[in-house]
């Protein structure tokens, strides 16, 4: 009975040591995981910023294109091409 108890205590101690080893390894990995998480957050923020900048640039380009079209329509309408300018305006600028 005493031998079984000692064997059980030894197994328990071996399991306890193994769990402590795993805990220590996880503790050493935690800072690395934190660093990876921070790097991924930084990348995500940069991608969001790039997306925002591209959207703003696209909106500016659309606005500039519409301004140029409206200027062209104004010039052609002054030359007497009013209906043609209206069709161009509806087809290219309004959508």
Foldseek 3Di string as FASTA:
>chain_A
DVVVVVVVVVVVVVVVVVVVVVVVVVVVCVVVVVVVVVVVVVVVVVVVVVVVVVVVVVVVVLVVVLVVLVVVLVVVVVVPPNVVSVVCCVVPNPD
